[in-house]
Amino acid sequence: MLDGRALERSLLNLVLNAVRHAPAGSAVEVSLETGAGRAVAAVVDHGPGIAADILPRLFQRFARGIGTDGGTGLGLYFVQTVAEKHGGGVTVESVPNEATRFTLDLPLAMR
């Protein structure tokens, strides 16, 4: 069953994380593309990036390690869980001190 509110919160979580980690005055890029029955949303910030040793556990419950922003470590776990519940997924690519890109990939219709 489609949970529009959870999907909305997932995308908002990605955007708010990007804003939180982006340097003051820098842009956060948000894009949405559709095609082949899928919607792909991307959120990019040009902040400090995510260290390579953190990336493998980034979507685990209570995973932290990106600064000391006081987060619970549950936001990205929630995003991944919601995406998978809806037949999709979330990925991250990060280059320290350059950019971090989260991609949320979802089917346009539930089966």
N, C-alpha and C. Protein backbone atom coordinates (compact mmCIF):
# COMPACT_ATOMS: atom_id res chain seq x y z
N MET A 1 0.83 -1.18 0.00
CA MET A 1 0.00 0.00 0.00
C MET A 1 0.89 1.25 0.00
N LEU A 2 0.58 2.18 -0.84
CA LEU A 2 1.34 3.42 -0.97
C LEU A 2 1.15 4.31 0.25
N ASP A 3 2.25 4.78 0.79
CA ASP A 3 2.22 5.68 1.95
C ASP A 3 2.83 7.01 1.53
N GLY A 4 1.99 7.88 0.98
CA GLY A 4 2.45 9.16 0.46
C GLY A 4 3.11 10.03 1.51
N ARG A 5 2.61 10.00 2.71
CA ARG A 5 3.21 10.83 3.77
C ARG A 5 4.63 10.36 4.10
N ALA A 6 4.83 9.06 4.16
CA ALA A 6 6.17 8.53 4.45
C ALA A 6 7.13 8.85 3.31
N LEU A 7 6.65 8.78 2.08
CA LEU A 7 7.50 9.14 0.94
C LEU A 7 7.87 10.61 0.99
N GLU A 8 6.92 11.45 1.32
CA GLU A 8 7.17 12.89 1.44
C GLU A 8 8.21 13.16 2.53
N ARG A 9 8.05 12.51 3.67
CA ARG A 9 9.00 12.69 4.77
C ARG A 9 10.39 12.20 4.40
N SER A 10 10.46 11.14 3.60
CA SER A 10 11.76 10.60 3.18
C SER A 10 12.51 11.62 2.32
N LEU A 11 11.83 12.18 1.35
CA LEU A 11 12.48 13.17 0.50
C LEU A 11 12.84 14.41 1.31
N LEU A 12 11.96 14.84 2.18
CA LEU A 12 12.23 15.99 3.02
C LEU A 12 13.45 15.73 3.91
N ASN A 13 13.57 14.53 4.43
CA ASN A 13 14.74 14.17 5.25
C ASN A 13 16.03 14.34 4.45
N LEU A 14 16.04 13.88 3.22
CA LEU A 14 17.24 14.02 2.39
C LEU A 14 17.58 15.48 2.13
N VAL A 15 16.56 16.28 1.86
CA VAL A 15 16.78 17.71 1.60
C VAL A 15 17.28 18.42 2.86
N LEU A 16 16.65 18.15 3.99
CA LEU A 16 17.07 18.81 5.23
C LEU A 16 18.49 18.41 5.64
N ASN A 17 18.84 17.14 5.44
CA ASN A 17 20.22 16.71 5.71
C ASN A 17 21.20 17.47 4.82
N ALA A 18 20.86 17.62 3.56
CA ALA A 18 21.74 18.34 2.63
C ALA A 18 21.91 19.79 3.07
N VAL A 19 20.82 20.43 3.44
CA VAL A 19 20.88 21.82 3.89
C VAL A 19 21.74 21.93 5.15
N ARG A 20 21.58 20.98 6.04
CA ARG A 20 22.33 20.99 7.30
C ARG A 20 23.83 20.85 7.07
N HIS A 21 24.22 20.08 6.08
CA HIS A 21 25.64 19.80 5.87
C HIS A 21 26.29 20.67 4.80
N ALA A 22 25.51 21.43 4.09
CA ALA A 22 26.07 22.31 3.05
C ALA A 22 26.65 23.57 3.70
N PRO A 23 27.74 24.07 3.15
CA PRO A 23 28.30 25.32 3.68
C PRO A 23 27.31 26.47 3.49
N ALA A 24 27.37 27.43 4.39
CA ALA A 24 26.50 28.61 4.30
C ALA A 24 26.67 29.27 2.93
N GLY A 25 25.56 29.59 2.32
CA GLY A 25 25.59 30.27 1.03
C GLY A 25 25.72 29.36 -0.17
N SER A 26 25.93 28.06 0.05
CA SER A 26 26.04 27.16 -1.10
C SER A 26 24.67 26.62 -1.48
N ALA A 27 24.57 26.12 -2.67
CA ALA A 27 23.30 25.60 -3.18
C ALA A 27 23.13 24.13 -2.83
N VAL A 28 21.89 23.74 -2.61
CA VAL A 28 21.51 22.34 -2.52
C VAL A 28 20.67 22.08 -3.76
N GLU A 29 21.06 21.08 -4.52
CA GLU A 29 20.38 20.78 -5.78
C GLU A 29 19.40 19.63 -5.57
N VAL A 30 18.17 19.82 -6.03
CA VAL A 30 17.15 18.78 -5.95
C VAL A 30 16.59 18.59 -7.35
N SER A 31 16.55 17.35 -7.80
CA SER A 31 16.01 17.08 -9.14
C SER A 31 15.10 15.87 -9.08
N LEU A 32 14.20 15.80 -10.05
CA LEU A 32 13.28 14.67 -10.17
C LEU A 32 13.16 14.33 -11.64
N GLU A 33 13.40 13.08 -11.96
CA GLU A 33 13.25 12.60 -13.33
C GLU A 33 12.32 11.40 -13.32
N THR A 34 11.54 11.27 -14.36
CA THR A 34 10.67 10.11 -14.50
C THR A 34 10.91 9.46 -15.85
N GLY A 35 10.69 8.18 -15.90
CA GLY A 35 10.83 7.44 -17.14
C GLY A 35 10.90 5.96 -16.84
N ALA A 36 10.50 5.17 -17.79
CA ALA A 36 10.52 3.71 -17.66
C ALA A 36 9.80 3.25 -16.39
N GLY A 37 8.71 3.95 -16.05
CA GLY A 37 7.90 3.55 -14.91
C GLY A 37 8.51 3.85 -13.56
N ARG A 38 9.52 4.72 -13.52
CA ARG A 38 10.20 5.03 -12.26
C ARG A 38 10.32 6.53 -12.07
N ALA A 39 10.41 6.93 -10.81
CA ALA A 39 10.71 8.31 -10.45
C ALA A 39 12.04 8.28 -9.70
N VAL A 40 12.95 9.15 -10.10
CA VAL A 40 14.26 9.20 -9.46
C VAL A 40 14.49 10.63 -8.99
N ALA A 41 14.57 10.78 -7.67
CA ALA A 41 14.84 12.08 -7.06
C ALA A 41 16.29 12.07 -6.58
N ALA A 42 16.99 13.16 -6.84
CA ALA A 42 18.37 13.29 -6.39
C ALA A 42 18.52 14.57 -5.58
N VAL A 43 19.30 14.47 -4.51
CA VAL A 43 19.59 15.61 -3.65
C VAL A 43 21.10 15.69 -3.52
N VAL A 44 21.67 16.85 -3.90
CA VAL A 44 23.12 17.02 -3.90
C VAL A 44 23.48 18.24 -3.07
N ASP A 45 24.47 18.05 -2.19
CA ASP A 45 25.03 19.21 -1.48
C ASP A 45 26.53 19.22 -1.71
N HIS A 46 27.11 20.37 -1.55
CA HIS A 46 28.55 20.55 -1.78
C HIS A 46 29.25 20.84 -0.45
N GLY A 47 28.91 20.03 0.54
CA GLY A 47 29.46 20.17 1.88
C GLY A 47 30.71 19.33 2.08
N PRO A 48 30.96 18.93 3.32
CA PRO A 48 32.19 18.22 3.65
C PRO A 48 32.24 16.79 3.12
N GLY A 49 31.12 16.27 2.67
CA GLY A 49 31.10 14.89 2.18
C GLY A 49 31.03 13.90 3.33
N ILE A 50 31.04 12.64 2.98
CA ILE A 50 30.93 11.56 3.95
C ILE A 50 32.17 10.68 3.80
N ALA A 51 32.84 10.42 4.88
CA ALA A 51 34.05 9.60 4.85
C ALA A 51 33.74 8.20 4.34
N ALA A 52 34.65 7.62 3.59
CA ALA A 52 34.46 6.31 2.98
C ALA A 52 34.18 5.22 4.01
N ASP A 53 34.75 5.33 5.20
CA ASP A 53 34.52 4.29 6.21
C ASP A 53 33.12 4.36 6.82
N ILE A 54 32.42 5.46 6.64
CA ILE A 54 31.06 5.60 7.16
C ILE A 54 30.02 5.13 6.15
N LEU A 55 30.32 5.24 4.87
CA LEU A 55 29.33 4.93 3.83
C LEU A 55 28.70 3.54 3.95
N PRO A 56 29.46 2.47 4.25
CA PRO A 56 28.82 1.15 4.30
C PRO A 56 27.76 1.00 5.38
N ARG A 57 27.80 1.80 6.43
CA ARG A 57 26.82 1.68 7.51
C ARG A 57 25.86 2.86 7.60
N LEU A 58 25.89 3.71 6.62
CA LEU A 58 25.13 4.95 6.66
C LEU A 58 23.63 4.75 6.83
N PHE A 59 23.07 3.69 6.26
CA PHE A 59 21.63 3.47 6.31
C PHE A 59 21.21 2.54 7.45
N GLN A 60 22.13 2.20 8.33
CA GLN A 60 21.80 1.36 9.48
C GLN A 60 21.16 2.21 10.58
N ARG A 61 20.37 1.57 11.41
CA ARG A 61 19.76 2.29 12.54
C ARG A 61 20.84 2.84 13.45
N PHE A 62 20.64 4.05 13.88
CA PHE A 62 21.51 4.76 14.81
C PHE A 62 22.91 5.03 14.25
N ALA A 63 23.06 4.96 12.95
CA ALA A 63 24.36 5.27 12.34
C ALA A 63 24.58 6.77 12.41
N ARG A 64 25.72 7.14 12.90
CA ARG A 64 26.11 8.55 12.96
C ARG A 64 27.56 8.63 12.55
N GLY A 65 28.08 9.82 12.56
CA GLY A 65 29.48 9.97 12.26
C GLY A 65 29.76 11.12 11.33
N ILE A 66 28.73 11.82 10.94
CA ILE A 66 28.90 12.97 10.06
C ILE A 66 28.73 14.21 10.92
N GLY A 67 29.81 14.69 11.45
CA GLY A 67 29.74 15.88 12.29
C GLY A 67 29.06 15.56 13.61
N THR A 68 28.70 16.59 14.32
CA THR A 68 28.03 16.42 15.62
C THR A 68 26.76 17.26 15.62
N ASP A 69 25.91 17.00 14.65
CA ASP A 69 24.71 17.82 14.47
C ASP A 69 23.55 17.42 15.37
N GLY A 70 23.75 16.42 16.22
CA GLY A 70 22.71 16.03 17.16
C GLY A 70 21.62 15.17 16.56
N GLY A 71 21.82 14.63 15.37
CA GLY A 71 20.82 13.77 14.76
C GLY A 71 20.68 12.46 15.52
N THR A 72 19.57 11.78 15.31
CA THR A 72 19.30 10.53 16.02
C THR A 72 19.97 9.33 15.36
N GLY A 73 20.36 9.47 14.11
CA GLY A 73 20.89 8.31 13.40
C GLY A 73 19.79 7.42 12.85
N LEU A 74 18.57 7.94 12.81
CA LEU A 74 17.43 7.15 12.30
C LEU A 74 16.89 7.65 10.96
N GLY A 75 17.21 8.87 10.58
CA GLY A 75 16.63 9.46 9.38
C GLY A 75 16.91 8.68 8.11
N LEU A 76 18.15 8.34 7.87
CA LEU A 76 18.49 7.63 6.64
C LEU A 76 18.02 6.18 6.68
N TYR A 77 17.98 5.60 7.87
CA TYR A 77 17.40 4.27 8.03
C TYR A 77 15.92 4.31 7.62
N PHE A 78 15.21 5.35 8.08
CA PHE A 78 13.80 5.53 7.73
C PHE A 78 13.64 5.67 6.21
N VAL A 79 14.50 6.51 5.59
CA VAL A 79 14.42 6.72 4.14
C VAL A 79 14.58 5.39 3.41
N GLN A 80 15.57 4.61 3.80
CA GLN A 80 15.81 3.32 3.13
C GLN A 80 14.64 2.36 3.34
N THR A 81 14.13 2.29 4.55
CA THR A 81 13.03 1.39 4.86
C THR A 81 11.79 1.74 4.05
N VAL A 82 11.47 3.02 3.97
CA VAL A 82 10.30 3.46 3.21
C VAL A 82 10.49 3.18 1.72
N ALA A 83 11.67 3.48 1.21
CA ALA A 83 11.94 3.24 -0.21
C ALA A 83 11.78 1.76 -0.55
N GLU A 84 12.35 0.89 0.27
CA GLU A 84 12.25 -0.54 0.02
C GLU A 84 10.82 -1.04 0.14
N LYS A 85 10.07 -0.49 1.10
CA LYS A 85 8.66 -0.87 1.28
C LYS A 85 7.85 -0.55 0.02
N HIS A 86 8.27 0.46 -0.72
CA HIS A 86 7.57 0.88 -1.92
C HIS A 86 8.20 0.33 -3.20
N GLY A 87 9.09 -0.63 -3.07
CA GLY A 87 9.69 -1.26 -4.25
C GLY A 87 10.85 -0.49 -4.86
N GLY A 88 11.46 0.37 -4.07
CA GLY A 88 12.56 1.18 -4.58
C GLY A 88 13.79 1.06 -3.72
N GLY A 89 14.60 2.08 -3.77
CA GLY A 89 15.82 2.08 -2.98
C GLY A 89 16.41 3.47 -2.90
N VAL A 90 17.45 3.58 -2.08
CA VAL A 90 18.16 4.84 -1.93
C VAL A 90 19.65 4.53 -1.96
N THR A 91 20.41 5.37 -2.64
CA THR A 91 21.86 5.20 -2.72
C THR A 91 22.54 6.52 -2.38
N VAL A 92 23.82 6.44 -2.09
CA VAL A 92 24.61 7.63 -1.79
C VAL A 92 25.96 7.52 -2.48
N GLU A 93 26.40 8.64 -2.99
CA GLU A 93 27.74 8.79 -3.54
C GLU A 93 28.33 10.03 -2.89
N SER A 94 29.58 9.94 -2.43
CA SER A 94 30.17 11.09 -1.77
C SER A 94 31.66 11.18 -2.05
N VAL A 95 32.09 12.39 -2.32
CA VAL A 95 33.51 12.69 -2.48
C VAL A 95 33.82 13.73 -1.41
N PRO A 96 34.65 13.37 -0.42
CA PRO A 96 34.94 14.32 0.66
C PRO A 96 35.40 15.67 0.14
N ASN A 97 34.85 16.70 0.75
CA ASN A 97 35.14 18.11 0.44
C ASN A 97 34.72 18.52 -0.97
N GLU A 98 33.84 17.74 -1.60
CA GLU A 98 33.33 18.11 -2.92
C GLU A 98 31.81 18.08 -2.96
N ALA A 99 31.23 16.87 -2.84
CA ALA A 99 29.78 16.76 -2.96
C ALA A 99 29.29 15.42 -2.43
N THR A 100 28.04 15.42 -2.01
CA THR A 100 27.34 14.19 -1.64
C THR A 100 26.03 14.18 -2.40
N ARG A 101 25.72 13.01 -2.98
CA ARG A 101 24.49 12.86 -3.77
C ARG A 101 23.71 11.66 -3.25
N PHE A 102 22.49 11.92 -2.80
CA PHE A 102 21.57 10.86 -2.43
C PHE A 102 20.57 10.72 -3.57
N THR A 103 20.29 9.48 -3.96
CA THR A 103 19.34 9.21 -5.02
C THR A 103 18.25 8.28 -4.49
N LEU A 104 17.03 8.73 -4.61
CA LEU A 104 15.86 7.97 -4.19
C LEU A 104 15.15 7.50 -5.45
N ASP A 105 15.09 6.19 -5.65
CA ASP A 105 14.55 5.59 -6.86
C ASP A 105 13.30 4.78 -6.49
N LEU A 106 12.16 5.17 -7.09
CA LEU A 106 10.89 4.54 -6.75
C LEU A 106 10.07 4.21 -8.00
N PRO A 107 9.29 3.14 -7.95
CA PRO A 107 8.38 2.86 -9.07
C PRO A 107 7.25 3.89 -9.06
N LEU A 108 6.77 4.23 -10.23
CA LEU A 108 5.65 5.18 -10.32
C LEU A 108 4.32 4.55 -9.92
N ALA A 109 4.23 3.22 -9.99
CA ALA A 109 3.00 2.53 -9.60
C ALA A 109 3.37 1.33 -8.75
N MET A 110 2.57 1.11 -7.71
CA MET A 110 2.78 -0.06 -6.86
C MET A 110 2.20 -1.29 -7.56
N ARG A 111 2.82 -2.41 -7.32
CA ARG A 111 2.30 -3.67 -7.90
C ARG A 111 1.29 -4.28 -7.00
